[in-house]
Protein backbone atom coordinates (compact mmCIF):
# COMPACT_ATOMS: atom_id res chain seq x y z
CA MET A 1 -0.01 -0.22 0.09
CA SER A 2 1.27 3.25 -0.41
CA THR A 3 2.36 5.76 1.69
CA THR A 4 0.11 9.09 1.75
CA LEU A 5 1.66 12.34 0.82
CA TYR A 6 1.00 13.80 4.32
CA ARG A 7 3.06 10.98 5.82
CA LYS A 8 5.55 10.42 2.68
CA TYR A 9 6.64 14.12 3.14
CA ARG A 10 6.35 15.08 6.48
CA PRO A 11 9.26 17.23 7.67
CA ALA A 12 11.53 15.27 10.34
CA THR A 13 13.49 18.20 11.39
CA PHE A 14 12.50 21.89 12.00
CA SER A 15 14.21 24.30 9.19
CA GLU A 16 11.77 21.42 6.99
CA LEU A 17 8.69 22.63 8.61
CA ILE A 18 6.84 25.68 6.33
CA GLY A 19 5.17 28.43 8.70
CA GLN A 20 5.17 28.56 12.41
CA LYS A 21 8.06 30.57 12.39
CA HIS A 22 7.27 31.67 16.13
CA VAL A 23 6.91 28.21 17.37
CA VAL A 24 9.70 27.06 15.96
CA GLN A 25 12.23 29.45 17.39
CA THR A 26 11.02 29.66 21.21
CA LEU A 27 10.96 25.33 20.78
CA LYS A 28 14.47 26.02 19.70
CA ASN A 29 16.09 27.97 21.88
CA ALA A 30 14.13 26.04 25.08
CA VAL A 31 16.55 22.81 23.87
CA LYS A 32 19.77 25.45 23.69
CA THR A 33 18.89 26.94 26.64
CA GLY A 34 18.03 23.30 28.30
CA ARG A 35 14.58 24.88 30.10
CA ILE A 36 12.44 21.86 28.71
CA GLY A 37 9.08 22.80 30.01
CA GLN A 38 7.05 19.80 31.20
CA ALA A 39 3.57 20.65 29.68
CA TYR A 40 3.08 22.48 26.52
CA LEU A 41 0.00 23.16 24.69
CA PHE A 42 -0.21 23.40 20.80
CA ALA A 43 -3.52 25.33 19.53
CA GLY A 44 -4.64 26.00 16.42
CA PRO A 45 -6.62 24.95 12.40
CA ARG A 46 -6.09 21.46 11.15
CA GLY A 47 -3.33 20.38 9.30
CA THR A 48 -0.72 23.24 10.58
CA GLY A 49 1.84 21.45 11.56
CA LYS A 50 1.20 20.27 15.36
CA THR A 51 1.75 17.11 15.70
CA SER A 52 4.69 17.35 13.24
CA ILE A 53 6.61 20.26 15.68
CA ALA A 54 4.92 17.91 18.49
CA ARG A 55 6.92 15.06 17.14
CA ILE A 56 10.00 16.76 16.29
CA PHE A 57 10.25 18.36 19.47
CA ALA A 58 9.96 14.83 21.05
CA LYS A 59 13.21 13.76 18.43
CA THR A 60 15.29 17.13 19.93
CA ILE A 61 15.10 16.69 23.54
CA ASN A 62 16.59 12.61 23.51
CA CYS A 63 18.64 13.16 20.58
CA GLN A 64 22.28 12.56 21.32
CA HIS A 65 24.14 14.62 18.95
CA LEU A 66 22.33 17.98 18.55
CA LYS A 67 23.25 20.98 16.40
CA ASN A 68 22.53 24.08 16.53
CA GLY A 69 18.74 23.12 18.25
CA GLU A 70 18.32 20.70 15.78
CA PRO A 71 18.13 16.40 15.71
CA CYS A 72 21.33 15.17 14.02
CA LEU A 73 18.95 12.15 12.54
CA LYS A 74 21.49 10.15 12.96
CA CYS A 75 21.87 8.62 15.98
CA ASP A 76 20.17 5.63 17.89
CA SER A 77 18.01 7.58 19.43
CA CYS A 78 16.91 9.56 16.59
CA GLY A 79 16.45 6.16 14.51
CA ASN A 80 13.81 4.99 17.08
CA ILE A 81 11.72 7.47 16.99
CA LEU A 82 12.01 7.76 12.98
CA ASP A 83 11.23 4.09 12.57
CA GLY A 84 8.70 4.61 14.93
CA ARG A 85 10.25 1.98 17.73
CA ALA A 86 10.54 4.46 20.42
CA LEU A 87 8.64 3.03 23.23
CA ASP A 88 8.93 6.46 25.80
CA ILE A 89 7.08 8.40 22.62
CA ILE A 90 3.69 7.48 23.49
CA GLU A 91 0.57 9.18 21.19
CA ILE A 92 -2.67 9.17 22.65
CA ASP A 93 -5.38 9.99 20.44
CA ALA A 94 -8.26 11.77 22.60
CA ALA A 95 -11.12 11.69 20.87
CA SER A 96 -10.42 7.35 21.44
CA ASN A 97 -9.76 7.72 25.16
CA THR A 98 -11.70 10.26 26.76
CA GLY A 99 -12.36 8.50 29.89
CA VAL A 100 -11.43 8.67 33.55
CA ASP A 101 -10.43 5.34 33.41
CA ASN A 102 -7.86 6.44 30.17
CA ILE A 103 -6.12 8.89 32.09
CA ARG A 104 -6.04 6.85 35.39
CA GLU A 105 -4.32 4.36 33.66
CA LEU A 106 -1.88 7.43 32.21
CA ARG A 107 -1.32 8.58 35.13
CA GLU A 108 -0.32 4.78 36.43
CA THR A 109 2.48 4.86 33.56
CA VAL A 110 3.65 8.23 34.05
CA LYS A 111 5.63 7.24 37.38
CA LEU A 112 7.60 5.08 35.36
CA PRO A 113 11.41 6.30 34.20
CA PRO A 114 11.86 6.40 30.42
CA SER A 115 13.18 3.18 29.38
CA SER A 116 15.46 4.04 26.51
CA LEU A 117 15.01 7.77 26.23
CA LYS A 118 16.45 10.65 28.45
CA TYR A 119 12.55 12.01 28.23
CA LYS A 120 9.15 10.11 28.10
CA VAL A 121 6.98 12.47 25.51
CA TYR A 122 3.23 12.26 25.88
CA ILE A 123 1.47 13.30 23.10
CA ILE A 124 -2.27 13.76 23.28
CA ASP A 125 -4.03 14.99 19.91
CA GLU A 126 -7.43 16.18 20.31
CA VAL A 127 -7.62 16.86 23.64
CA HIS A 128 -10.09 19.02 24.10
CA MET A 129 -12.03 15.48 23.40
CA LEU A 130 -11.50 14.40 27.62
CA SER A 131 -14.40 14.50 29.97
CA GLY A 132 -15.00 16.91 32.76
CA GLY A 133 -13.86 13.69 34.63
CA ALA A 134 -10.76 13.08 32.47
CA PHE A 135 -9.56 16.47 32.61
CA ASN A 136 -9.61 16.28 36.45
CA ALA A 137 -7.69 12.85 36.60
CA LEU A 138 -4.93 14.74 33.81
CA LEU A 139 -4.42 18.06 36.28
CA LYS A 140 -2.52 16.43 39.04
CA THR A 141 -0.34 14.77 36.64
CA LEU A 142 0.43 18.27 35.06
CA GLU A 143 0.79 20.09 38.35
CA GLU A 144 3.18 17.50 39.38
CA PRO A 145 4.76 15.49 36.66
CA PRO A 146 8.23 13.44 37.17
CA ALA A 147 11.57 15.09 36.19
CA ASN A 148 11.99 13.09 32.64
CA VAL A 149 8.38 13.63 31.32
CA VAL A 150 7.17 15.76 28.77
CA PHE A 151 3.38 16.38 27.64
CA ILE A 152 2.16 17.78 24.49
CA LEU A 153 -1.42 18.94 24.47
CA ALA A 154 -2.77 19.14 20.57
CA THR A 155 -6.36 20.75 20.11
CA THR A 156 -8.17 22.70 17.37
CA GLU A 157 -10.57 23.90 19.89
CA VAL A 158 -8.92 25.90 22.17
CA HIS A 159 -11.71 27.07 24.01
CA LYS A 160 -13.18 23.52 25.36
CA ILE A 161 -10.15 23.34 27.16
CA PRO A 162 -10.89 23.90 31.46
CA GLU A 163 -8.73 27.31 32.68
CA THR A 164 -7.14 25.23 35.08
CA ILE A 165 -5.39 23.03 32.32
CA LEU A 166 -4.71 25.96 30.46
CA SER A 167 -2.87 27.69 34.02
CA ARG A 168 -0.39 24.74 33.82
CA VAL A 169 0.62 24.71 30.30
CA GLN A 170 3.05 26.81 27.49
CA ARG A 171 0.00 27.57 25.35
CA PHE A 172 1.61 27.90 21.70
CA ASP A 173 -1.01 29.32 18.64
CA PHE A 174 -0.96 27.91 15.61
CA THR A 175 -1.77 30.10 12.07
CA ARG A 176 -2.88 28.79 8.64
CA LEU A 177 0.03 28.97 6.33
CA LYS A 178 0.64 31.43 4.00
CA ILE A 179 -0.99 30.31 0.06
CA GLU A 180 2.69 31.30 -1.24
CA ASP A 181 4.21 29.06 1.12
CA ILE A 182 1.79 26.10 0.46
CA ILE A 183 2.56 26.57 -3.37
CA LYS A 184 5.71 26.24 -2.83
CA ARG A 185 6.17 23.10 -0.74
CA LEU A 186 3.34 21.18 -3.60
CA GLU A 187 5.90 22.35 -6.03
CA GLU A 188 8.66 20.68 -4.74
CA ILE A 189 6.61 17.67 -4.08
CA ALA A 190 5.29 17.41 -7.44
CA LYS A 191 8.72 17.71 -8.90
CA LEU A 192 9.64 14.68 -6.66
CA GLU A 193 6.79 12.91 -7.71
CA LYS A 194 8.24 13.52 -11.01
CA VAL A 195 4.65 15.03 -12.41
CA LYS A 196 3.86 18.42 -13.90
CA VAL A 197 1.06 20.32 -12.63
CA ASP A 198 -0.06 23.80 -13.81
CA ARG A 199 0.96 26.84 -12.03
CA GLU A 200 -2.89 27.95 -11.52
CA ALA A 201 -4.02 24.10 -10.70
CA LEU A 202 -1.92 24.20 -7.83
CA GLU A 203 -3.11 27.92 -6.90
CA ILE A 204 -6.43 26.06 -6.74
CA ILE A 205 -5.69 23.33 -4.67
CA ALA A 206 -3.16 26.10 -2.32
CA SER A 207 -6.87 27.87 -2.10
CA SER A 208 -8.71 24.84 -1.14
CA SER A 209 -6.59 23.45 1.56
CA GLU A 210 -7.90 26.79 4.20
CA GLY A 211 -4.47 26.99 5.08
CA GLY A 212 -3.97 23.47 6.12
CA MET A 213 -0.55 21.52 4.71
CA ARG A 214 -2.12 18.16 5.17
CA ASN A 215 -5.05 19.21 3.36
CA ALA A 216 -3.22 20.09 0.27
CA GLU A 217 -0.97 17.53 0.53
CA SER A 218 -3.87 15.10 0.55
CA LEU A 219 -5.79 17.09 -2.49
CA LEU A 220 -2.49 17.02 -4.67
CA GLY A 221 -2.17 12.82 -3.68
CA GLN A 222 -5.63 12.99 -4.57
CA ILE A 223 -4.60 14.60 -8.43
CA ILE A 224 -1.71 12.57 -8.60
CA ALA A 225 -3.80 9.36 -8.14
CA LEU A 226 -4.28 10.24 -12.03
CA GLU A 227 -1.54 8.58 -13.15
CA ASP A 228 -1.16 11.58 -15.50
CA LYS A 229 2.15 13.08 -15.49
CA ARG A 230 0.84 16.08 -17.06
CA ILE A 231 -1.97 17.45 -14.74
CA THR A 232 -3.68 20.78 -15.85
CA THR A 233 -6.53 23.13 -14.06
CA LYS A 234 -9.12 21.53 -16.17
CA GLU A 235 -8.66 18.17 -14.78
CA VAL A 236 -8.29 19.93 -10.94
CA GLU A 237 -11.16 22.19 -11.45
CA PHE A 238 -13.11 18.96 -12.22
CA ILE A 239 -11.93 16.71 -9.56
CA LEU A 240 -12.95 19.48 -6.50
CA GLY A 241 -15.64 20.98 -8.50
CA THR A 242 -14.47 23.91 -7.74
CA VAL A 243 -13.05 26.88 -10.08
CA SER A 244 -9.63 29.23 -10.03
CA GLU A 245 -9.65 32.10 -8.51
CA LYS A 246 -8.90 33.30 -12.32
CA PHE A 247 -12.74 32.22 -13.01
CA THR A 248 -13.78 34.64 -10.06
CA ALA A 249 -11.85 37.32 -10.47
CA GLU A 250 -13.22 37.22 -14.07
CA PHE A 251 -16.44 36.50 -13.17
CA VAL A 252 -16.69 39.14 -10.72
CA GLU A 253 -15.08 42.11 -13.08
CA LEU A 254 -18.02 41.28 -15.41
CA VAL A 255 -20.37 42.17 -12.53
CA ILE A 256 -18.19 45.72 -11.93
CA GLN A 257 -18.80 46.70 -15.72
CA LYS A 258 -22.33 45.58 -15.32
CA LYS A 259 -22.28 43.35 -18.50
CA TYR A 260 -24.38 40.87 -17.34
CA ALA A 261 -25.50 39.06 -20.15
CA GLU A 262 -21.68 38.23 -19.97
CA VAL A 263 -22.42 36.79 -16.30
CA PHE A 264 -25.29 34.61 -17.29
CA SER A 265 -22.77 33.32 -19.85
CA LYS A 266 -20.52 32.65 -17.33
CA ILE A 267 -23.25 30.60 -14.95
CA GLY A 268 -23.64 28.55 -18.41
CA GLN A 269 -19.83 27.33 -18.46
CA LEU A 270 -19.83 26.79 -14.72
CA ARG A 271 -22.89 24.29 -15.22
CA GLU A 272 -21.33 22.97 -18.71
CA MET A 273 -17.65 21.99 -16.68
CA GLY A 274 -20.01 20.55 -13.65
CA ILE A 275 -18.94 22.62 -11.63
CA ASP A 276 -20.59 22.47 -7.87
CA PHE A 277 -21.99 25.93 -7.46
CA LYS A 278 -22.13 25.52 -3.71
CA ASN A 279 -18.48 25.63 -4.00
CA PHE A 280 -18.19 28.20 -6.50
CA ALA A 281 -20.72 30.50 -4.04
CA LYS A 282 -18.00 29.71 -0.90
CA SER A 283 -15.62 31.25 -2.90
CA LEU A 284 -17.05 33.71 -4.66
CA LEU A 285 -18.15 34.75 -1.10
CA ASN A 286 -14.65 34.79 -0.05
CA TYR A 287 -13.52 37.06 -2.68
CA LEU A 288 -15.96 39.47 -2.42
CA ARG A 289 -15.21 39.42 1.73
CA GLN A 290 -11.47 39.96 0.14
CA MET A 291 -12.40 43.06 -1.91
CA LEU A 292 -14.68 44.39 0.69
CA VAL A 293 -11.76 44.45 3.23
CA LEU A 294 -8.77 45.76 1.06
CA LYS A 295 -11.80 48.57 0.08
CA ILE A 296 -12.32 49.58 3.83
CA ASN A 297 -8.35 49.57 4.90
CA PRO A 298 -5.62 48.80 1.92
CA GLU A 299 -3.45 47.79 4.73
CA LEU A 300 -4.68 44.85 5.54
CA GLY A 301 -2.98 43.14 2.41
CA GLN A 302 -0.49 41.82 4.18
CA LYS A 303 -2.91 40.04 6.42
CA LEU A 304 -4.39 38.27 2.89
CA SER A 305 -1.37 37.25 2.17
CA TYR A 306 -2.49 33.80 4.03
CA GLU A 307 -5.53 33.26 1.50
CA ILE A 308 -4.22 34.76 -1.99
CA THR A 309 -1.07 35.14 -4.06
CA LYS A 310 0.71 38.53 -4.87
CA GLU A 311 -0.95 38.32 -8.62
CA ARG A 312 -4.56 37.99 -7.00
CA LEU A 313 -3.91 40.55 -4.42
CA SER A 314 -2.63 42.95 -7.16
CA GLN A 315 -5.88 42.19 -9.10
CA ILE A 316 -7.84 42.73 -6.67
CA LYS A 317 -6.74 46.26 -6.26
CA LYS A 318 -6.89 47.15 -9.05
CA GLN A 319 -10.49 45.93 -9.14
CA ILE A 320 -11.53 48.19 -5.99
CA ALA A 321 -10.34 51.10 -7.77
CA SER A 322 -13.68 51.27 -9.98
CA VAL A 323 -16.29 50.25 -7.44
CA GLU A 324 -17.81 51.55 -4.18
CA THR A 325 -18.01 49.79 -1.22
CA ASP A 326 -22.01 49.58 -1.00
CA GLU A 327 -21.77 48.24 -4.14
CA ILE A 328 -19.41 45.65 -3.02
CA LEU A 329 -21.78 45.28 0.34
CA ASN A 330 -24.55 44.77 -1.79
CA PHE A 331 -23.72 41.80 -3.70
CA ILE A 332 -22.62 39.85 -0.96
CA ASN A 333 -26.20 40.18 0.24
CA ILE A 334 -27.85 39.71 -2.17
CA LEU A 335 -25.69 36.50 -2.99
CA GLN A 336 -25.81 35.47 0.88
CA GLU A 337 -29.70 36.30 0.66
CA ASN A 338 -30.58 33.54 -2.00
CA THR A 339 -27.85 31.08 -1.19
CA GLU A 340 -30.30 30.63 1.74
CA LYS A 341 -33.22 31.12 0.08
CA PHE A 342 -32.66 28.14 -2.83
CA LYS A 343 -30.54 26.11 -1.26
CA SER A 344 -32.87 23.44 -1.21
CA SER A 345 -34.27 24.13 -5.07
CA PRO A 346 -33.66 21.37 -7.80
CA VAL A 347 -31.87 23.51 -10.05
CA PRO A 348 -28.55 23.90 -8.61
CA GLN A 349 -27.43 27.38 -10.14
CA LEU A 350 -30.67 29.36 -9.58
CA PHE A 351 -29.51 31.03 -6.40
CA LEU A 352 -26.72 32.86 -8.94
CA GLU A 353 -29.13 33.27 -11.52
CA VAL A 354 -31.24 35.09 -8.98
CA ALA A 355 -29.18 37.17 -7.60
CA ILE A 356 -27.40 38.69 -10.97
CA ALA A 357 -30.75 39.40 -12.14
CA LYS A 358 -31.73 41.31 -8.60
CA LEU A 359 -28.31 43.40 -9.32
CA ALA A 360 -29.63 43.80 -12.62
CA ALA A 361 -32.84 45.26 -12.09
CA LYS A 362 -30.95 47.49 -9.34
CA ASN A 363 -28.08 48.88 -11.69
CA ILE A 364 -29.58 48.71 -15.37
CA LYS A 365 -31.35 51.83 -17.12
CA PRO A 366 -32.49 52.20 -20.24
CA GLU A 367 -29.61 54.24 -22.32
CA ASN A 368 -31.25 57.30 -23.55
CA SER A 369 -33.44 57.36 -20.42
CA SER A 370 -33.25 61.32 -18.68
CA PHE A 371 -34.29 59.57 -15.49
CA PRO A 372 -32.20 60.18 -12.66
CA GLU A 373 -30.43 56.89 -10.94
CA ARG A 374 -32.39 55.98 -7.48
CA ARG A 375 -31.43 57.29 -4.45
CA SER A 376 -31.43 55.24 -1.14
CA PRO A 377 -33.78 55.75 1.20
CA GLU A 378 -31.25 57.07 3.73
CA GLU A 379 -29.96 59.70 0.93
CA THR A 380 -33.62 60.91 0.40
CA GLU A 381 -34.09 61.66 4.00
CA GLU A 382 -30.83 63.31 4.56
CA PHE A 383 -31.83 65.02 0.80
CA ASN A 384 -34.61 66.30 2.32
CA ASN A 385 -33.59 67.35 5.43
CA SER A 386 -31.57 69.98 3.65
CA THR A 387 -33.32 71.53 1.15
CA GLU A 388 -35.98 72.56 3.98
CA LYS A 389 -32.76 74.78 4.86
CA ILE A 390 -33.44 76.51 1.61
CA PRO A 391 -34.96 79.58 1.25
CA LEU A 392 -37.72 79.88 -1.31
CA ASN A 393 -37.30 82.97 -3.78
CA PRO A 394 -39.58 85.65 -3.30
CA PRO A 395 -43.21 85.61 -4.71
CA SER A 396 -44.22 86.54 -7.72
CA GLU A 397 -46.92 89.40 -7.59
CA LYS A 398 -50.29 88.85 -7.97
CA GLY A 399 -51.53 87.39 -10.80
CA GLU A 400 -48.22 86.93 -13.10
CA GLU A 401 -48.67 83.29 -12.33
CA ASN A 402 -51.73 83.36 -14.74
CA LYS A 403 -49.78 84.87 -17.69
CA SER A 404 -49.09 81.45 -18.94
CA ASP A 405 -50.18 80.58 -22.63
CA SER A 406 -49.96 76.50 -21.08
CA PRO A 407 -53.23 75.51 -18.48
CA LYS A 408 -50.20 73.30 -17.29
CA ILE A 409 -47.40 74.66 -15.11
CA LYS A 410 -43.92 73.51 -15.73
CA PRO A 411 -41.04 74.94 -13.91
CA GLU A 412 -37.76 75.62 -15.55
CA LEU A 413 -35.20 74.42 -12.73
CA PRO A 414 -32.10 74.29 -14.32
CA GLU A 415 -30.72 74.22 -10.32
CA LYS A 416 -33.63 72.84 -8.42
CA ILE A 417 -34.45 75.18 -5.34
CA LYS A 418 -36.67 73.51 -3.04
CA SER A 419 -38.61 73.88 0.00
CA ALA A 420 -40.75 72.15 2.79
CA ASN A 421 -41.79 76.20 3.81
CA LYS A 422 -44.07 76.67 -0.04
CA ASN A 423 -47.39 76.71 0.55
CA SER A 424 -49.49 73.39 0.61
CA SER A 425 -51.70 74.86 -1.90
CA THR A 426 -49.07 75.46 -4.00
CA ASP A 427 -47.21 71.78 -4.32
CA ILE A 428 -50.79 70.27 -4.59
CA ASP A 429 -51.50 72.62 -7.50
CA LEU A 430 -47.81 71.33 -9.45
CA VAL A 431 -48.16 67.68 -8.75
CA ILE A 432 -51.81 67.90 -10.31
CA SER A 433 -51.53 69.88 -13.46
CA GLY A 434 -48.10 68.34 -13.93
CA TRP A 435 -49.45 64.32 -12.97
CA GLY A 436 -49.46 63.29 -16.65
CA GLU A 437 -46.24 64.38 -17.45
CA ILE A 438 -44.65 62.35 -14.00
CA ILE A 439 -46.63 59.25 -15.33
CA ASP A 440 -45.07 59.46 -18.61
CA SER A 441 -41.52 60.48 -17.83
CA LEU A 442 -41.81 56.83 -16.14
CA LYS A 443 -43.22 54.83 -19.34
CA SER A 444 -39.69 54.03 -20.51
CA TYR A 445 -38.16 53.49 -17.33
CA ASN A 446 -40.53 51.44 -15.13
CA HIS A 447 -44.10 51.03 -17.86
CA SER A 448 -45.49 48.49 -15.11
CA LEU A 449 -45.25 51.48 -12.53
CA SER A 450 -46.39 53.94 -14.86
CA SER A 451 -49.64 52.35 -15.44
CA VAL A 452 -50.55 51.82 -11.67
CA LEU A 453 -50.22 55.42 -11.26
CA LYS A 454 -52.70 55.92 -14.18
CA MET A 455 -55.59 54.16 -11.43
CA CYS A 456 -54.34 56.78 -8.90
CA GLN A 457 -54.73 60.22 -8.62
CA PRO A 458 -52.76 63.01 -5.95
CA MET A 459 -55.22 64.80 -3.88
CA LEU A 460 -53.78 66.86 -0.80
CA VAL A 461 -50.47 67.48 0.79
CA GLU A 462 -49.79 67.42 4.51
CA GLY A 463 -46.73 68.26 5.84
CA LYS A 464 -44.29 66.66 3.85
CA TYR A 465 -46.42 63.89 2.46
CA LEU A 466 -48.38 63.82 -0.88
CA ILE A 467 -51.50 61.83 0.11
CA LEU A 468 -51.96 59.55 -3.24
CA ARG A 469 -55.54 57.86 -3.20
CA THR A 470 -54.92 53.89 -5.21
CA LYS A 471 -58.04 52.42 -6.66
CA TYR A 472 -57.09 49.11 -5.36
CA SER A 473 -55.26 47.62 -2.34
CA PHE A 474 -53.27 45.75 -4.91
CA TYR A 475 -52.02 48.98 -6.25
CA ASN A 476 -51.38 50.51 -2.70
CA ASP A 477 -48.99 47.60 -2.04
CA LYS A 478 -46.95 48.45 -5.46
CA ILE A 479 -46.63 52.01 -4.41
CA ALA A 480 -45.29 51.32 -1.19
CA ASP A 481 -42.99 49.23 -1.52
CA THR A 482 -39.76 51.38 -1.33
CA GLN A 483 -37.96 51.42 -4.57
CA ASN A 484 -40.97 52.04 -6.09
CA ARG A 485 -42.20 54.67 -3.75
CA LEU A 486 -38.63 56.54 -3.90
CA THR A 487 -38.95 56.39 -7.74
CA ILE A 488 -41.88 58.17 -8.28
CA GLU A 489 -40.75 60.64 -5.74
CA LYS A 490 -37.95 61.46 -7.51
CA ALA A 491 -40.70 62.00 -10.94
CA ILE A 492 -42.38 64.12 -9.02
CA ASP A 493 -39.05 65.81 -7.72
CA LYS A 494 -37.86 66.25 -11.81
CA MET A 495 -40.59 67.29 -13.14
CA THR A 496 -42.47 69.84 -10.41
CA GLY A 497 -39.52 70.92 -8.62
CA VAL A 498 -41.33 69.30 -5.41
CA VAL A 499 -40.07 67.57 -2.53
CA LEU A 500 -42.76 65.65 -1.36
CA LYS A 501 -43.04 62.38 0.69
CA LEU A 502 -45.56 59.32 -0.76
CA LYS A 503 -48.26 58.50 1.49
CA PRO A 504 -50.88 56.14 -0.79
CA ILE A 505 -54.34 55.43 0.60
CA THR A 506 -56.95 53.39 -0.97
CA GLU A 507 -60.70 55.27 -1.92
CA LYS A 508 -62.03 53.62 0.93
CA ASP A 509 -59.43 54.30 3.19
CA PHE A 510 -59.19 58.05 2.23
CA ALA A 511 -62.98 58.21 2.56
CA ALA A 512 -62.70 57.56 6.03
CA GLN A 513 -59.87 59.51 6.73
CA TYR A 514 -61.09 62.73 5.07
CA PRO A 515 -64.87 63.21 4.90
CA ASN A 516 -65.53 66.23 4.25
CA PHE A 517 -62.27 66.68 1.66
CA LYS A 518 -63.68 68.59 -1.67
CA GLU A 519 -61.32 67.41 -4.16
CA LYS A 520 -59.33 69.77 -6.47
CA LYS A 521 -59.16 69.52 -10.40
CA ASN A 522 -56.40 70.88 -12.85
CA LEU A 523 -56.91 73.92 -14.89
CA MET A 524 -58.12 71.65 -18.27
CA GLN A 525 -60.85 69.57 -16.60
CA GLU A 526 -61.94 72.94 -14.58
CA ALA A 527 -62.30 74.18 -18.30
CA VAL A 528 -64.31 71.31 -19.55
CA ASP A 529 -66.73 71.39 -16.92
CA ILE A 530 -67.33 75.17 -16.94
CA PHE A 531 -67.59 75.02 -21.19
CA GLY A 532 -68.51 72.14 -21.88
CA GLY A 533 -66.45 69.43 -24.82
CA LYS A 534 -64.20 66.75 -24.45
CA ILE A 535 -60.22 66.53 -23.90
CA VAL A 536 -58.40 65.77 -27.98
């Protein structure tokens, strides 16, 4: 049976280790000065070298011919440990030996002196799996261990270990490995295995390993099992069910440029490639998170070196220059929301297609439309508050407003001067007389919304609010939608120069709330009523 790569190429000395320099340097200094502790705790993510360093440390403190804090690998002690014949190096899997009886048995054997080595070393892996009683039994041993015994506890969940244990050990926190370091190590292993692997394929493997060398080596072993001497990026994508960061970057770039038709083509490519869409969503969200972090604080690029290559970091910095923070947040929120919403959908790519469609609906507007971009609720509130402070131009002389040949009033406002201090009757006159133009301005932008407004009628202005009477509750709900409401408010603002907030209300409710209301008519309708005839 062939040996797995992570066992075959497990480091034998401190110098062969990748990463964890702070841990290595401290342990080497302890060996050089002879200040060997009696209990250590190695805490950190899976596959980051906890067990490997524990074994090297056990080998080092028992080596008969140390060289600068490194084991010689030639003496009898090193040979016995390397071959697994050293009875004084005891490895215990706490996940399988969780009970009090197991620890009591350990306490009995601790009293026995080493059989052939200088130190007896107990390496207890996944120590957080011990029961409460087992921890209590271990506590006494850690308080007063024999002089020639060293305990090395390893865990991935340090928060589950009692404080009484933590206070009696020297704690070392292991970090995830840099992606560049993982790629470099994988290149060395591939060379030793006489296999050529594309650089981009190695990036995919390193990225999928989530900072764990053991994970990366296991994935590489899975790829090499193809017995193909030339491993391409496509083969790795197919086997792992994921895509390269290059593909993800191109996908995001198309979204930034609002080329949604091409984005949907990319989704089709993913389907054809047989990519797991859940994995892609995870990669996409992580990429967007990296963009968000760098957008807020570009100096955090060094921190992200554990996750992405220098080339990818440079590309993200270029992308964030052409996108705003709220756009990144919006994409993340929509993607996360639809990932949860459609997680049980029989169509695997539906969540992604819906997310992109929502982005498109928010950002696309007709090329020839003169209608302004939508304003968020927060921006609208801020804008309304600021315009209240602007004084109104002095009113014109009495009767001057009736000199116009047109019955409709459409003020020319190159620089809009708006105020909530206007007389409310003037506001409602402007809105009523310009209602047809307001509806027409919406046709090319949102045809269904303009159709709804044809069935509605502006009635009166109450403070900052324009009361809009709707025929049915369905129309009321349609207009009350935040985006639709803001769209109509902008149209009113653009066509009349009046800043008002919309308040839709059904005919039945309006009659109940305003029983004495006398309906206003626009000038054209009043002329028709007085002189007879019809509007052509």
